[in-house]
């Protein structure tokens, strides 16, 4: 994705997103917000990331307190 954009993650349930830049360097957690349509989302700013950087994330579902069980990655492209 273009590094000038915001990465929006949308889910069908409440979750905590665990994300990291590169190979899980500079990690952090953020909780999703709900919309009136029942979709839960979080926006991860990518404006300070350089091209070639990869954002990795996984999530922990609030219901059942269980991890998704896999990681996802999005690469940053030139602006």
PDB file of N, CA and C in Angstrom:
ATOM      1  N   UNK A   1       0.843  -1.174   0.000  1.00  0.00           N
ATOM      2  CA  UNK A   1       0.000   0.000   0.000  1.00  0.00           C
ATOM      3  C   UNK A   1       0.885   1.233   0.000  1.00  0.00           C
ATOM      4  N   UNK A   2       0.346   2.330  -0.421  1.00  0.00           N
ATOM      5  CA  UNK A   2       1.063   3.595  -0.453  1.00  0.00           C
ATOM      6  C   UNK A   2       1.328   4.076   0.969  1.00  0.00           C
ATOM      7  N   UNK A   3       2.552   4.459   1.255  1.00  0.00           N
ATOM      8  CA  UNK A   3       2.953   4.867   2.601  1.00  0.00           C
ATOM      9  C   UNK A   3       2.289   6.156   3.068  1.00  0.00           C
ATOM     10  N   UNK A   4       1.612   6.873   2.197  1.00  0.00           N
ATOM     11  CA  UNK A   4       0.928   8.107   2.594  1.00  0.00           C
ATOM     12  C   UNK A   4      -0.490   7.836   3.093  1.00  0.00           C
ATOM     13  N   UNK A   5      -0.906   6.617   3.081  1.00  0.00           N
ATOM     14  CA  UNK A   5      -2.278   6.258   3.419  1.00  0.00           C
ATOM     15  C   UNK A   5      -2.407   5.768   4.851  1.00  0.00           C
ATOM     16  N   UNK A   6      -3.636   5.515   5.263  1.00  0.00           N
ATOM     17  CA  UNK A   6      -3.944   4.925   6.555  1.00  0.00           C
ATOM     18  C   UNK A   6      -4.414   3.501   6.306  1.00  0.00           C
ATOM     19  N   UNK A   7      -3.859   2.562   7.040  1.00  0.00           N
ATOM     20  CA  UNK A   7      -4.252   1.168   6.931  1.00  0.00           C
ATOM     21  C   UNK A   7      -5.444   0.941   7.847  1.00  0.00           C
ATOM     22  N   UNK A   8      -6.601   0.637   7.281  1.00  0.00           N
ATOM     23  CA  UNK A   8      -7.804   0.363   8.066  1.00  0.00           C
ATOM     24  C   UNK A   8      -8.029  -1.141   8.093  1.00  0.00           C
ATOM     25  N   UNK A   9      -8.153  -1.669   9.299  1.00  0.00           N
ATOM     26  CA  UNK A   9      -8.450  -3.087   9.491  1.00  0.00           C
ATOM     27  C   UNK A   9      -9.893  -3.172   9.970  1.00  0.00           C
ATOM     28  N   UNK A  10     -10.717  -3.919   9.239  1.00  0.00           N
ATOM     29  CA  UNK A  10     -12.126  -4.077   9.589  1.00  0.00           C
ATOM     30  C   UNK A  10     -12.404  -5.531   9.947  1.00  0.00           C
ATOM     31  N   UNK A  11     -13.155  -5.722  11.033  1.00  0.00           N
ATOM     32  CA  UNK A  11     -13.497  -7.053  11.527  1.00  0.00           C
ATOM     33  C   UNK A  11     -14.978  -7.110  11.856  1.00  0.00           C
ATOM     34  N   UNK A  12     -15.513  -8.314  11.948  1.00  0.00           N
ATOM     35  CA  UNK A  12     -16.929  -8.489  12.266  1.00  0.00           C
ATOM     36  C   UNK A  12     -17.172  -8.695  13.763  1.00  0.00           C
ATOM     37  N   UNK A  13     -16.171  -8.413  14.580  1.00  0.00           N
ATOM     38  CA  UNK A  13     -16.308  -8.501  16.025  1.00  0.00           C
ATOM     39  C   UNK A  13     -15.239  -7.659  16.691  1.00  0.00           C
ATOM     40  N   UNK A  14     -15.444  -7.370  17.973  1.00  0.00           N
ATOM     41  CA  UNK A  14     -14.487  -6.560  18.730  1.00  0.00           C
ATOM     42  C   UNK A  14     -13.189  -7.336  18.935  1.00  0.00           C
ATOM     43  N   UNK A  15     -12.073  -6.619  18.828  1.00  0.00           N
ATOM     44  CA  UNK A  15     -10.765  -7.267  18.970  1.00  0.00           C
ATOM     45  C   UNK A  15      -9.715  -6.255  19.406  1.00  0.00           C
ATOM     46  N   UNK A  16      -8.595  -6.781  19.863  1.00  0.00           N
ATOM     47  CA  UNK A  16      -7.408  -5.975  20.121  1.00  0.00           C
ATOM     48  C   UNK A  16      -6.403  -6.329  19.039  1.00  0.00           C
ATOM     49  N   UNK A  17      -5.955  -5.327  18.303  1.00  0.00           N
ATOM     50  CA  UNK A  17      -4.976  -5.526  17.230  1.00  0.00           C
ATOM     51  C   UNK A  17      -3.580  -5.419  17.830  1.00  0.00           C
ATOM     52  N   UNK A  18      -2.770  -6.439  17.613  1.00  0.00           N
ATOM     53  CA  UNK A  18      -1.367  -6.410  18.029  1.00  0.00           C
ATOM     54  C   UNK A  18      -0.562  -6.219  16.751  1.00  0.00           C
ATOM     55  N   UNK A  19       0.177  -5.119  16.657  1.00  0.00           N
ATOM     56  CA  UNK A  19       0.882  -4.802  15.417  1.00  0.00           C
ATOM     57  C   UNK A  19       2.347  -4.507  15.677  1.00  0.00           C
ATOM     58  N   UNK A  20       3.121  -4.673  14.631  1.00  0.00           N
ATOM     59  CA  UNK A  20       4.538  -4.379  14.707  1.00  0.00           C
ATOM     60  C   UNK A  20       5.049  -3.960  13.345  1.00  0.00           C
ATOM     61  N   UNK A  21       6.093  -3.169  13.342  1.00  0.00           N
ATOM     62  CA  UNK A  21       6.716  -2.734  12.093  1.00  0.00           C
ATOM     63  C   UNK A  21       7.939  -3.592  11.836  1.00  0.00           C
ATOM     64  N   UNK A  22       8.225  -3.841  10.568  1.00  0.00           N
ATOM     65  CA  UNK A  22       9.363  -4.685  10.223  1.00  0.00           C
ATOM     66  C   UNK A  22       9.120  -6.098  10.711  1.00  0.00           C
ATOM     67  N   UNK A  23      10.080  -6.672  11.358  1.00  0.00           N
ATOM     68  CA  UNK A  23       9.943  -8.014  11.912  1.00  0.00           C
ATOM     69  C   UNK A  23       9.548  -7.933  13.382  1.00  0.00           C
ATOM     70  N   UNK A  24       8.367  -7.411  13.622  1.00  0.00           N
ATOM     71  CA  UNK A  24       7.775  -7.251  14.956  1.00  0.00           C
ATOM     72  C   UNK A  24       8.602  -6.323  15.846  1.00  0.00           C
ATOM     73  N   UNK A  25       9.249  -5.330  15.209  1.00  0.00           N
ATOM     74  CA  UNK A  25       9.938  -4.291  15.967  1.00  0.00           C
ATOM     75  C   UNK A  25       8.932  -3.185  16.249  1.00  0.00           C
ATOM     76  N   UNK A  26       9.107  -2.454  17.308  1.00  0.00           N
ATOM     77  CA  UNK A  26       8.195  -1.369  17.702  1.00  0.00           C
ATOM     78  C   UNK A  26       6.749  -1.857  17.675  1.00  0.00           C
ATOM     79  N   UNK A  27       6.406  -2.706  18.612  1.00  0.00           N
ATOM     80  CA  UNK A  27       5.064  -3.278  18.671  1.00  0.00           C
ATOM     81  C   UNK A  27       4.130  -2.420  19.503  1.00  0.00           C
ATOM     82  N   UNK A  28       2.854  -2.658  19.344  1.00  0.00           N
ATOM     83  CA  UNK A  28       1.842  -1.960  20.123  1.00  0.00           C
ATOM     84  C   UNK A  28       0.492  -2.619  19.949  1.00  0.00           C
ATOM     85  N   UNK A  29      -0.412  -2.306  20.844  1.00  0.00           N
ATOM     86  CA  UNK A  29      -1.773  -2.840  20.798  1.00  0.00           C
ATOM     87  C   UNK A  29      -2.761  -1.689  20.716  1.00  0.00           C
ATOM     88  N   UNK A  30      -3.853  -1.926  19.994  1.00  0.00           N
ATOM     89  CA  UNK A  30      -4.925  -0.937  19.900  1.00  0.00           C
ATOM     90  C   UNK A  30      -6.246  -1.685  19.781  1.00  0.00           C
ATOM     91  N   UNK A  31      -7.256  -1.165  20.463  1.00  0.00           N
ATOM     92  CA  UNK A  31      -8.567  -1.797  20.455  1.00  0.00           C
ATOM     93  C   UNK A  31      -9.413  -1.261  19.305  1.00  0.00           C
ATOM     94  N   UNK A  32     -10.206  -2.129  18.717  1.00  0.00           N
ATOM     95  CA  UNK A  32     -11.076  -1.714  17.624  1.00  0.00           C
ATOM     96  C   UNK A  32     -12.236  -0.874  18.156  1.00  0.00           C
ATOM     97  N   UNK A  33     -12.814  -0.075  17.279  1.00  0.00           N
ATOM     98  CA  UNK A  33     -14.019   0.704  17.565  1.00  0.00           C
ATOM     99  C   UNK A  33     -15.149   0.141  16.727  1.00  0.00           C
ATOM    100  N   UNK A  34     -16.373   0.262  17.221  1.00  0.00           N
ATOM    101  CA  UNK A  34     -17.525  -0.263  16.488  1.00  0.00           C
ATOM    102  C   UNK A  34     -18.224   0.850  15.708  1.00  0.00           C
ATOM    103  N   UNK A  35     -18.756   0.503  14.547  1.00  0.00           N
ATOM    104  CA  UNK A  35     -19.581   1.425  13.772  1.00  0.00           C
ATOM    105  C   UNK A  35     -21.042   1.095  14.042  1.00  0.00           C
ATOM    106  N   UNK A  36     -21.911   1.927  13.593  1.00  0.00           N
ATOM    107  CA  UNK A  36     -23.337   1.675  13.788  1.00  0.00           C
ATOM    108  C   UNK A  36     -23.815   0.477  12.962  1.00  0.00           C
ATOM    109  N   UNK A  37     -23.012   0.024  12.018  1.00  0.00           N
ATOM    110  CA  UNK A  37     -23.368  -1.152  11.214  1.00  0.00           C
ATOM    111  C   UNK A  37     -22.864  -2.451  11.846  1.00  0.00           C
ATOM    112  N   UNK A  38     -22.175  -2.363  12.972  1.00  0.00           N
ATOM    113  CA  UNK A  38     -21.670  -3.547  13.638  1.00  0.00           C
ATOM    114  C   UNK A  38     -20.286  -3.983  13.191  1.00  0.00           C
ATOM    115  N   UNK A  39     -19.673  -3.241  12.286  1.00  0.00           N
ATOM    116  CA  UNK A  39     -18.311  -3.533  11.854  1.00  0.00           C
ATOM    117  C   UNK A  39     -17.354  -2.877  12.849  1.00  0.00           C
ATOM    118  N   UNK A  40     -16.331  -3.601  13.238  1.00  0.00           N
ATOM    119  CA  UNK A  40     -15.318  -3.078  14.155  1.00  0.00           C
ATOM    120  C   UNK A  40     -14.077  -2.757  13.330  1.00  0.00           C
ATOM    121  N   UNK A  41     -13.428  -1.645  13.652  1.00  0.00           N
ATOM    122  CA  UNK A  41     -12.279  -1.234  12.838  1.00  0.00           C
ATOM    123  C   UNK A  41     -11.231  -0.531  13.685  1.00  0.00           C
ATOM    124  N   UNK A  42     -10.041  -0.435  13.104  1.00  0.00           N
ATOM    125  CA  UNK A  42      -8.964   0.369  13.662  1.00  0.00           C
ATOM    126  C   UNK A  42      -8.171   0.936  12.487  1.00  0.00           C
ATOM    127  N   UNK A  43      -7.740   2.177  12.610  1.00  0.00           N
ATOM    128  CA  UNK A  43      -6.914   2.819  11.592  1.00  0.00           C
ATOM    129  C   UNK A  43      -5.479   2.882  12.082  1.00  0.00           C
ATOM    130  N   UNK A  44      -4.566   2.347  11.301  1.00  0.00           N
ATOM    131  CA  UNK A  44      -3.147   2.382  11.629  1.00  0.00           C
ATOM    132  C   UNK A  44      -2.463   3.352  10.674  1.00  0.00           C
ATOM    133  N   UNK A  45      -1.962   4.476  11.163  1.00  0.00           N
ATOM    134  CA  UNK A  45      -1.309   5.434  10.274  1.00  0.00           C
ATOM    135  C   UNK A  45      -0.013   4.861   9.714  1.00  0.00           C
ATOM    136  N   UNK A  46       0.198   5.079   8.438  1.00  0.00           N
ATOM    137  CA  UNK A  46       1.413   4.594   7.782  1.00  0.00           C
ATOM    138  C   UNK A  46       2.237   5.750   7.237  1.00  0.00           C
ATOM    139  N   UNK A  47       1.863   6.966   7.566  1.00  0.00           N
ATOM    140  CA  UNK A  47       2.505   8.137   6.976  1.00  0.00           C
ATOM    141  C   UNK A  47       3.974   8.279   7.364  1.00  0.00           C
ATOM    142  N   UNK A  48       4.400   7.695   8.481  1.00  0.00           N
ATOM    143  CA  UNK A  48       5.788   7.825   8.916  1.00  0.00           C
ATOM    144  C   UNK A  48       6.635   6.614   8.527  1.00  0.00           C
ATOM    145  N   UNK A  49       6.054   5.677   7.805  1.00  0.00           N
ATOM    146  CA  UNK A  49       6.780   4.476   7.417  1.00  0.00           C
ATOM    147  C   UNK A  49       7.441   4.659   6.060  1.00  0.00           C
ATOM    148  N   UNK A  50       8.601   4.071   5.912  1.00  0.00           N
ATOM    149  CA  UNK A  50       9.333   4.162   4.648  1.00  0.00           C
ATOM    150  C   UNK A  50       8.916   3.045   3.699  1.00  0.00           C
ATOM    151  N   UNK A  51       9.088   3.283   2.428  1.00  0.00           N
ATOM    152  CA  UNK A  51       8.835   2.247   1.426  1.00  0.00           C
ATOM    153  C   UNK A  51       9.690   1.036   1.745  1.00  0.00           C
ATOM    154  N   UNK A  52       9.141  -0.138   1.573  1.00  0.00           N
ATOM    155  CA  UNK A  52       9.853  -1.370   1.871  1.00  0.00           C
ATOM    156  C   UNK A  52       9.587  -1.901   3.272  1.00  0.00           C
ATOM    157  N   UNK A  53       9.034  -1.043   4.152  1.00  0.00           N
ATOM    158  CA  UNK A  53       8.681  -1.480   5.497  1.00  0.00           C
ATOM    159  C   UNK A  53       7.423  -2.333   5.425  1.00  0.00           C
ATOM    160  N   UNK A  54       7.348  -3.319   6.286  1.00  0.00           N
ATOM    161  CA  UNK A  54       6.166  -4.169   6.336  1.00  0.00           C
ATOM    162  C   UNK A  54       5.502  -4.027   7.704  1.00  0.00           C
ATOM    163  N   UNK A  55       4.197  -3.817   7.708  1.00  0.00           N
ATOM    164  CA  UNK A  55       3.422  -3.784   8.942  1.00  0.00           C
ATOM    165  C   UNK A  55       2.834  -5.180   9.137  1.00  0.00           C
ATOM    166  N   UNK A  56       3.112  -5.767  10.282  1.00  0.00           N
ATOM    167  CA  UNK A  56       2.564  -7.089  10.601  1.00  0.00           C
ATOM    168  C   UNK A  56       1.537  -6.909  11.717  1.00  0.00           C
ATOM    169  N   UNK A  57       0.493  -7.716  11.674  1.00  0.00           N
ATOM    170  CA  UNK A  57      -0.498  -7.643  12.740  1.00  0.00           C
ATOM    171  C   UNK A  57      -1.232  -8.967  12.898  1.00  0.00           C
ATOM    172  N   UNK A  58      -1.773  -9.133  14.063  1.00  0.00           N
ATOM    173  CA  UNK A  58      -2.678 -10.225  14.379  1.00  0.00           C
ATOM    174  C   UNK A  58      -3.702  -9.638  15.335  1.00  0.00           C
ATOM    175  N   UNK A  59      -4.676 -10.403  15.734  1.00  0.00           N
ATOM    176  CA  UNK A  59      -5.652  -9.852  16.657  1.00  0.00           C
ATOM    177  C   UNK A  59      -6.166 -10.897  17.636  1.00  0.00           C
ATOM    178  N   UNK A  60      -6.620 -10.358  18.762  1.00  0.00           N
ATOM    179  CA  UNK A  60      -7.194 -11.175  19.823  1.00  0.00           C
ATOM    180  C   UNK A  60      -8.659 -10.793  19.939  1.00  0.00           C
ATOM    181  N   UNK A  61      -9.521 -11.735  19.671  1.00  0.00           N
ATOM    182  CA  UNK A  61     -10.961 -11.503  19.736  1.00  0.00           C
ATOM    183  C   UNK A  61     -11.381 -11.238  21.177  1.00  0.00           C
ATOM    184  N   UNK A  62     -12.220 -10.243  21.391  1.00  0.00           N
ATOM    185  CA  UNK A  62     -12.727  -9.939  22.733  1.00  0.00           C
ATOM    186  C   UNK A  62     -13.640 -11.069  23.213  1.00  0.00           C
ATOM    187  N   UNK A  63     -14.501 -11.547  22.337  1.00  0.00           N
ATOM    188  CA  UNK A  63     -15.389 -12.655  22.697  1.00  0.00           C
ATOM    189  C   UNK A  63     -14.568 -13.951  22.725  1.00  0.00           C
ATOM    190  N   UNK A  64     -14.495 -14.576  23.858  1.00  0.00           N
ATOM    191  CA  UNK A  64     -13.725 -15.799  23.984  1.00  0.00           C
ATOM    192  C   UNK A  64     -12.257 -15.578  24.288  1.00  0.00           C
ATOM    193  N   UNK A  65     -11.802 -14.333  24.255  1.00  0.00           N
ATOM    194  CA  UNK A  65     -10.401 -13.996  24.556  1.00  0.00           C
ATOM    195  C   UNK A  65      -9.436 -14.938  23.843  1.00  0.00           C
ATOM    196  N   UNK A  66      -9.629 -15.114  22.542  1.00  0.00           N
ATOM    197  CA  UNK A  66      -8.761 -16.017  21.783  1.00  0.00           C
ATOM    198  C   UNK A  66      -8.039 -15.267  20.682  1.00  0.00           C
ATOM    199  N   UNK A  67      -6.795 -15.705  20.415  1.00  0.00           N
ATOM    200  CA  UNK A  67      -6.002 -15.133  19.335  1.00  0.00           C
ATOM    201  C   UNK A  67      -6.486 -15.681  18.000  1.00  0.00           C
ATOM    202  N   UNK A  68      -6.314 -14.910  16.945  1.00  0.00           N
ATOM    203  CA  UNK A  68      -6.695 -15.341  15.598  1.00  0.00           C
ATOM    204  C   UNK A  68      -5.887 -16.558  15.169  1.00  0.00           C
ATOM    205  N   UNK A  69      -4.638 -16.644  15.597  1.00  0.00           N
ATOM    206  CA  UNK A  69      -3.837 -17.825  15.295  1.00  0.00           C
ATOM    207  C   UNK A  69      -2.982 -17.712  14.052  1.00  0.00           C
ATOM    208  N   UNK A  70      -2.956 -16.539  13.445  1.00  0.00           N
ATOM    209  CA  UNK A  70      -2.068 -16.303  12.299  1.00  0.00           C
ATOM    210  C   UNK A  70      -1.754 -14.820  12.217  1.00  0.00           C
ATOM    211  N   UNK A  71      -0.680 -14.521  11.500  1.00  0.00           N
ATOM    212  CA  UNK A  71      -0.246 -13.143  11.303  1.00  0.00           C
ATOM    213  C   UNK A  71      -0.601 -12.682   9.896  1.00  0.00           C
ATOM    214  N   UNK A  72      -0.749 -11.381   9.756  1.00  0.00           N
ATOM    215  CA  UNK A  72      -1.014 -10.750   8.469  1.00  0.00           C
ATOM    216  C   UNK A  72       0.070  -9.699   8.235  1.00  0.00           C
ATOM    217  N   UNK A  73       0.338  -9.360   6.989  1.00  0.00           N
ATOM    218  CA  UNK A  73       1.372  -8.365   6.681  1.00  0.00           C
ATOM    219  C   UNK A  73       0.935  -7.515   5.493  1.00  0.00           C
ATOM    220  N   UNK A  74       1.286  -6.220   5.571  1.00  0.00           N
ATOM    221  CA  UNK A  74       1.037  -5.279   4.479  1.00  0.00           C
ATOM    222  C   UNK A  74       2.345  -4.525   4.241  1.00  0.00           C
ATOM    223  N   UNK A  75       2.818  -4.519   3.003  1.00  0.00           N
ATOM    224  CA  UNK A  75       4.053  -3.824   2.658  1.00  0.00           C
ATOM    225  C   UNK A  75       3.789  -2.398   2.202  1.00  0.00           C
ATOM    226  N   UNK A  76       4.721  -1.512   2.525  1.00  0.00           N
ATOM    227  CA  UNK A  76       4.628  -0.114   2.121  1.00  0.00           C
ATOM    228  C   UNK A  76       5.356   0.084   0.804  1.00  0.00           C
ATOM    229  N   UNK A  77       4.691   0.760  -0.114  1.00  0.00           N
ATOM    230  CA  UNK A  77       5.261   1.048  -1.444  1.00  0.00           C
ATOM    231  C   UNK A  77       5.727   2.500  -1.488  1.00  0.00           C
ATOM    232  N   UNK A  78       6.404   2.855  -2.568  1.00  0.00           N
ATOM    233  CA  UNK A  78       6.833   4.246  -2.768  1.00  0.00           C
ATOM    234  C   UNK A  78       5.610   5.155  -2.797  1.00  0.00           C
ATOM    235  N   UNK A  79       5.833   6.377  -2.340  1.00  0.00           N
ATOM    236  CA  UNK A  79       4.742   7.348  -2.273  1.00  0.00           C
ATOM    237  C   UNK A  79       4.302   7.790  -3.624  1.00  0.00           C
TER     238      UNK A  79
END
